[in-house]
N, C-alpha and C. Protein backbone atom coordinates (compact mmCIF):
# COMPACT_ATOMS: atom_id res chain seq x y z
N MET A 1 85.48 91.45 89.87
CA MET A 1 84.26 91.78 90.68
C MET A 1 84.37 93.03 90.70
N GLN A 2 83.37 93.95 91.34
CA GLN A 2 83.15 95.08 91.24
C GLN A 2 82.54 95.39 92.37
N ILE A 3 83.35 96.36 93.08
CA ILE A 3 82.58 97.27 94.57
C ILE A 3 81.42 97.59 93.53
N THR A 4 79.87 97.69 94.17
CA THR A 4 78.58 98.04 94.18
C THR A 4 78.40 99.41 94.65
N ASP A 5 78.87 98.92 96.23
CA ASP A 5 78.28 100.22 97.40
C ASP A 5 79.26 99.88 98.58
N ILE A 6 79.63 100.95 99.43
CA ILE A 6 80.67 101.03 100.51
C ILE A 6 79.41 102.12 101.23
N LYS A 7 79.12 101.57 102.20
CA LYS A 7 78.36 102.25 103.31
C LYS A 7 79.33 102.83 104.61
N VAL A 8 79.17 103.53 105.18
CA VAL A 8 80.71 103.74 106.33
C VAL A 8 79.26 103.89 108.17
N ARG A 9 79.36 102.93 108.45
CA ARG A 9 78.21 102.25 109.42
C ARG A 9 78.09 103.13 110.82
N LYS A 10 79.89 103.51 111.21
CA LYS A 10 80.04 104.22 112.20
C LYS A 10 81.20 104.89 112.01
N LEU A 11 81.49 106.26 112.58
CA LEU A 11 82.54 106.64 112.47
C LEU A 11 83.14 106.80 113.81
N PHE A 12 84.32 106.99 114.17
CA PHE A 12 85.16 107.39 115.56
C PHE A 12 85.96 108.54 115.64
N ASP A 13 85.67 109.63 116.99
CA ASP A 13 86.07 110.30 116.91
C ASP A 13 87.95 109.87 117.49
N GLU A 14 87.44 109.54 118.35
CA GLU A 14 88.76 108.71 119.46
C GLU A 14 89.32 107.82 118.80
N GLY A 15 90.35 107.69 119.14
CA GLY A 15 91.16 106.85 119.02
C GLY A 15 91.55 106.53 117.50
N PRO A 16 92.57 105.50 117.14
CA PRO A 16 93.38 104.86 115.97
C PRO A 16 92.05 104.59 114.38
N MET A 17 90.83 103.84 114.99
CA MET A 17 90.31 103.31 114.76
C MET A 17 89.27 104.14 114.26
N LYS A 18 88.53 104.52 113.03
CA LYS A 18 88.41 105.63 112.42
C LYS A 18 86.64 105.41 112.21
N ALA A 19 86.72 104.27 111.38
CA ALA A 19 85.32 103.66 110.88
C ALA A 19 85.18 102.67 110.51
N ILE A 20 83.89 101.79 110.44
CA ILE A 20 83.10 100.41 110.38
C ILE A 20 82.65 100.31 108.92
N VAL A 21 82.65 100.15 108.14
CA VAL A 21 82.27 99.95 106.66
C VAL A 21 81.75 98.35 105.86
N SER A 22 80.80 98.77 105.49
CA SER A 22 80.42 97.56 104.88
C SER A 22 80.32 97.51 103.18
N VAL A 23 81.12 96.63 102.50
CA VAL A 23 80.90 96.40 101.25
C VAL A 23 80.43 95.63 100.48
N THR A 24 80.08 96.17 99.80
CA THR A 24 78.77 95.21 98.66
C THR A 24 79.60 95.28 97.27
N PHE A 25 79.85 93.23 97.04
CA PHE A 25 79.94 93.53 95.50
C PHE A 25 79.45 92.74 95.20
N ASP A 26 79.45 93.18 93.88
CA ASP A 26 78.23 93.04 92.23
C ASP A 26 77.17 93.23 92.59
N GLY A 27 76.93 93.80 93.90
CA GLY A 27 75.19 93.60 94.38
C GLY A 27 74.56 92.64 94.82
N GLN A 28 75.86 91.82 95.11
CA GLN A 28 75.09 89.91 95.45
C GLN A 28 76.11 89.41 96.66
N LEU A 29 76.98 90.25 97.39
CA LEU A 29 77.93 89.47 98.72
C LEU A 29 78.53 90.78 99.64
N ALA A 30 77.78 91.10 100.57
CA ALA A 30 78.22 91.88 101.30
C ALA A 30 78.94 91.34 102.37
N VAL A 31 80.07 92.35 103.07
CA VAL A 31 80.97 92.49 103.42
C VAL A 31 81.40 93.80 105.39
N HIS A 32 80.54 92.42 106.16
CA HIS A 32 80.92 93.81 107.00
C HIS A 32 81.81 93.67 108.12
N ASP A 33 81.86 95.16 108.61
CA ASP A 33 82.45 95.26 109.40
C ASP A 33 84.18 95.12 109.44
N VAL A 34 84.05 95.56 107.99
CA VAL A 34 86.21 96.69 107.55
C VAL A 34 86.15 97.46 108.33
N LYS A 35 87.21 97.65 109.30
CA LYS A 35 87.79 98.92 109.80
C LYS A 35 88.67 100.06 109.00
N VAL A 36 88.55 100.87 109.53
CA VAL A 36 89.62 102.04 108.52
C VAL A 36 90.73 102.38 109.79
N ILE A 37 91.73 102.07 109.42
CA ILE A 37 92.72 102.81 110.99
C ILE A 37 93.31 103.71 110.45
N ASN A 38 93.45 104.80 111.97
CA ASN A 38 94.84 105.95 110.96
C ASN A 38 95.91 105.89 112.21
N ALA A 39 97.27 105.07 111.52
CA ALA A 39 98.45 104.90 112.60
C ALA A 39 99.68 105.07 111.30
N ARG A 40 100.28 105.82 112.66
CA ARG A 40 101.79 106.23 111.63
C ARG A 40 101.13 107.23 110.52
N ASP A 41 100.22 108.63 110.51
CA ASP A 41 100.23 108.72 109.86
C ASP A 41 99.20 108.27 108.75
N LYS A 42 98.79 106.98 108.36
CA LYS A 42 98.93 106.37 107.52
C LYS A 42 96.73 105.76 107.53
N PHE A 43 96.41 105.77 106.61
CA PHE A 43 95.23 105.47 106.37
C PHE A 43 94.95 104.05 106.23
N PHE A 44 94.62 102.38 106.68
CA PHE A 44 94.91 101.29 105.82
C PHE A 44 93.66 100.62 106.72
N ILE A 45 92.89 99.73 105.88
CA ILE A 45 91.97 98.29 106.07
C ILE A 45 92.12 97.60 107.15
N VAL A 46 91.68 97.02 107.81
CA VAL A 46 91.54 96.11 108.28
C VAL A 46 89.92 94.82 108.65
N MET A 47 90.34 93.56 107.60
CA MET A 47 89.66 93.52 107.35
C MET A 47 88.60 92.61 108.70
N PRO A 48 87.30 91.52 108.32
CA PRO A 48 87.03 91.13 109.64
C PRO A 48 87.19 89.75 110.26
N SER A 49 87.47 89.78 111.44
CA SER A 49 88.76 88.20 112.03
C SER A 49 87.83 88.31 112.80
N ARG A 50 88.21 86.90 113.65
CA ARG A 50 87.54 86.25 114.93
C ARG A 50 88.60 85.55 115.51
N LYS A 51 88.34 86.47 116.81
CA LYS A 51 89.76 85.49 117.50
C LYS A 51 89.58 83.64 118.03
N ASN A 52 90.85 83.13 117.99
CA ASN A 52 91.33 81.83 118.73
C ASN A 52 91.60 81.64 119.73
N ALA A 53 91.28 80.71 119.83
CA ALA A 53 91.70 80.74 121.41
C ALA A 53 92.91 80.44 121.64
N ASP A 54 94.01 80.60 120.91
CA ASP A 54 95.22 81.21 121.22
C ASP A 54 95.43 82.41 121.58
N GLU A 55 94.33 83.25 121.39
CA GLU A 55 94.46 84.83 120.95
C GLU A 55 94.90 85.71 120.65
N THR A 56 95.14 84.59 119.20
CA THR A 56 94.97 85.11 118.08
C THR A 56 94.10 85.17 117.47
N TYR A 57 94.37 86.58 116.22
CA TYR A 57 92.99 86.93 115.20
C TYR A 57 93.69 86.02 114.12
N ARG A 58 92.16 85.72 113.51
CA ARG A 58 91.99 85.29 111.86
C ARG A 58 91.29 85.90 110.76
N ASP A 59 92.11 86.15 109.96
CA ASP A 59 90.84 87.08 109.03
C ASP A 59 89.53 85.98 108.21
N ILE A 60 88.39 86.46 108.89
CA ILE A 60 86.93 85.48 108.24
C ILE A 60 87.33 85.94 106.45
N VAL A 61 87.30 86.84 106.42
CA VAL A 61 87.13 87.22 104.27
C VAL A 61 88.53 87.88 104.26
N HIS A 62 89.48 88.49 102.97
CA HIS A 62 90.47 88.80 102.98
C HIS A 62 90.45 88.90 101.18
N PRO A 63 90.96 90.03 100.86
CA PRO A 63 91.82 90.21 99.44
C PRO A 63 92.89 88.67 99.34
N ILE A 64 92.67 88.45 97.93
CA ILE A 64 93.96 87.25 97.58
C ILE A 64 95.44 87.82 96.87
N ASN A 65 94.96 88.61 96.39
CA ASN A 65 96.03 89.47 95.92
C ASN A 65 96.53 90.64 96.46
N ALA A 66 97.74 91.60 95.44
CA ALA A 66 97.63 92.86 96.56
C ALA A 66 96.98 93.95 95.85
N GLN A 67 96.60 93.36 94.64
CA GLN A 67 96.09 94.28 93.86
C GLN A 67 94.86 94.79 93.76
N PHE A 68 93.91 93.67 94.19
CA PHE A 68 92.74 93.74 95.17
C PHE A 68 92.67 94.66 96.50
N ARG A 69 93.62 94.55 97.07
CA ARG A 69 93.75 94.57 97.93
C ARG A 69 94.05 96.31 97.95
N ASN A 70 94.61 96.56 97.37
CA ASN A 70 95.08 98.25 96.96
C ASN A 70 93.77 98.97 97.33
N MET A 71 93.05 98.42 95.72
CA MET A 71 91.95 98.61 95.41
C MET A 71 90.79 98.83 96.00
N LEU A 72 90.18 97.67 97.01
CA LEU A 72 89.89 97.83 98.43
C LEU A 72 90.08 98.65 99.41
N GLU A 73 90.84 99.37 99.18
CA GLU A 73 91.59 100.12 100.36
C GLU A 73 91.67 101.36 99.40
N GLU A 74 92.04 101.94 98.45
CA GLU A 74 91.60 103.36 97.71
C GLU A 74 89.85 103.55 98.18
N ARG A 75 89.45 102.43 97.84
CA ARG A 75 87.71 103.34 97.40
C ARG A 75 87.19 103.10 98.95
N VAL A 76 87.43 101.90 99.91
CA VAL A 76 86.57 102.19 101.09
C VAL A 76 87.11 103.68 102.28
N ILE A 77 88.42 103.98 101.81
CA ILE A 77 89.21 105.21 102.35
C ILE A 77 88.62 106.41 101.66
N ALA A 78 88.55 106.25 100.58
CA ALA A 78 88.04 107.50 99.89
C ALA A 78 86.47 107.48 100.10
N ALA A 79 85.90 106.71 100.34
CA ALA A 79 84.43 106.43 100.99
C ALA A 79 84.50 106.60 102.38
N TYR A 80 85.25 106.47 103.25
CA TYR A 80 85.83 107.51 104.30
C TYR A 80 85.50 109.04 104.77
N HIS A 81 86.75 109.35 104.11
CA HIS A 81 86.78 110.79 103.63
C HIS A 81 85.55 111.57 103.44
N ALA A 82 84.34 111.48 102.49
CA ALA A 82 83.73 111.48 102.05
C ALA A 82 83.02 111.76 102.80
N GLU A 83 82.36 110.71 103.82
CA GLU A 83 81.89 110.68 104.77
C GLU A 83 81.95 110.89 106.01
N ARG A 84 82.92 111.27 106.42
CA ARG A 84 83.96 112.45 107.25
C ARG A 84 83.65 113.54 106.84
N GLU A 85 83.83 114.32 105.56
CA GLU A 85 83.04 115.63 105.87
C GLU A 85 82.24 115.79 105.17
N ALA A 86 81.26 114.68 105.51
CA ALA A 86 79.66 114.81 104.54
C ALA A 86 79.15 115.25 106.09
N ALA A 87 79.59 114.99 107.36
CA ALA A 87 79.64 114.95 108.99
C ALA A 87 79.66 116.17 108.96
N GLU A 88 81.26 116.33 108.67
CA GLU A 88 81.30 118.01 108.92
C GLU A 88 80.60 119.18 108.72
N ALA A 89 80.53 118.74 107.36
CA ALA A 89 79.68 119.88 106.81
C ALA A 89 78.09 120.10 107.81
N GLU A 90 77.64 118.96 107.95
CA GLU A 90 76.10 118.85 108.53
C GLU A 90 76.44 119.76 109.85
N LYS A 91 77.16 119.12 110.19
CA LYS A 91 77.44 119.24 112.03
C LYS A 91 77.60 121.38 111.69
N ALA A 92 78.31 121.67 110.71
CA ALA A 92 78.76 123.09 110.49
C ALA A 92 77.15 123.50 110.30
N ASN A 93 76.59 122.71 109.64
CA ASN A 93 75.40 123.89 109.05
C ASN A 93 74.36 123.42 110.32
N ALA A 94 74.61 123.21 111.32
CA ALA A 94 73.45 122.68 111.86
C ALA A 94 73.48 123.82 113.03
N PRO A 95 71.93 124.36 112.82
CA PRO A 95 71.57 125.97 113.46
C PRO A 95 72.01 125.49 114.89
N GLN A 96 72.62 126.58 116.04
CA GLN A 96 72.91 126.71 117.20
C GLN A 96 71.90 126.91 117.82
N THR A 97 71.92 126.43 119.34
CA THR A 97 71.22 126.64 120.08
C THR A 97 71.71 127.21 120.80
N MET A 98 70.70 127.58 121.97
CA MET A 98 71.63 128.19 122.96
C MET A 98 70.52 128.14 124.37
N GLU A 99 71.86 126.84 125.21
CA GLU A 99 70.88 126.76 126.17
C GLU A 99 70.29 127.34 127.71
N GLU A 100 69.83 127.27 128.31
CA GLU A 100 68.82 128.05 129.48
C GLU A 100 68.94 127.52 130.54
N PRO A 101 70.03 128.96 130.88
CA PRO A 101 70.21 128.45 132.31
C PRO A 101 69.48 127.67 133.53
N VAL A 102 69.23 126.54 134.11
CA VAL A 102 68.69 126.36 134.74
C VAL A 102 68.00 126.98 136.37
């Protein structure tokens, strides 16, 4: 199974959640709402989940083995960093506008 696309859907500046990402596999299966988290100076991903009646969470989809999880995590986090850099470069290159007093 190959990752054929990673789309960073939303970036966050505040809090431990840094992005929400969609990942496409083999151009045929999309997994939405993968979260990029930064906690304790480490980035990791959290798979989509739902809340159970007992207030616990259960993954809807998840990697079966550590090797695939590591590969998925590395690719998603790399896509997040690339998107963050592109957003910062775009912000730096945006024309500065002066607000006129009212």
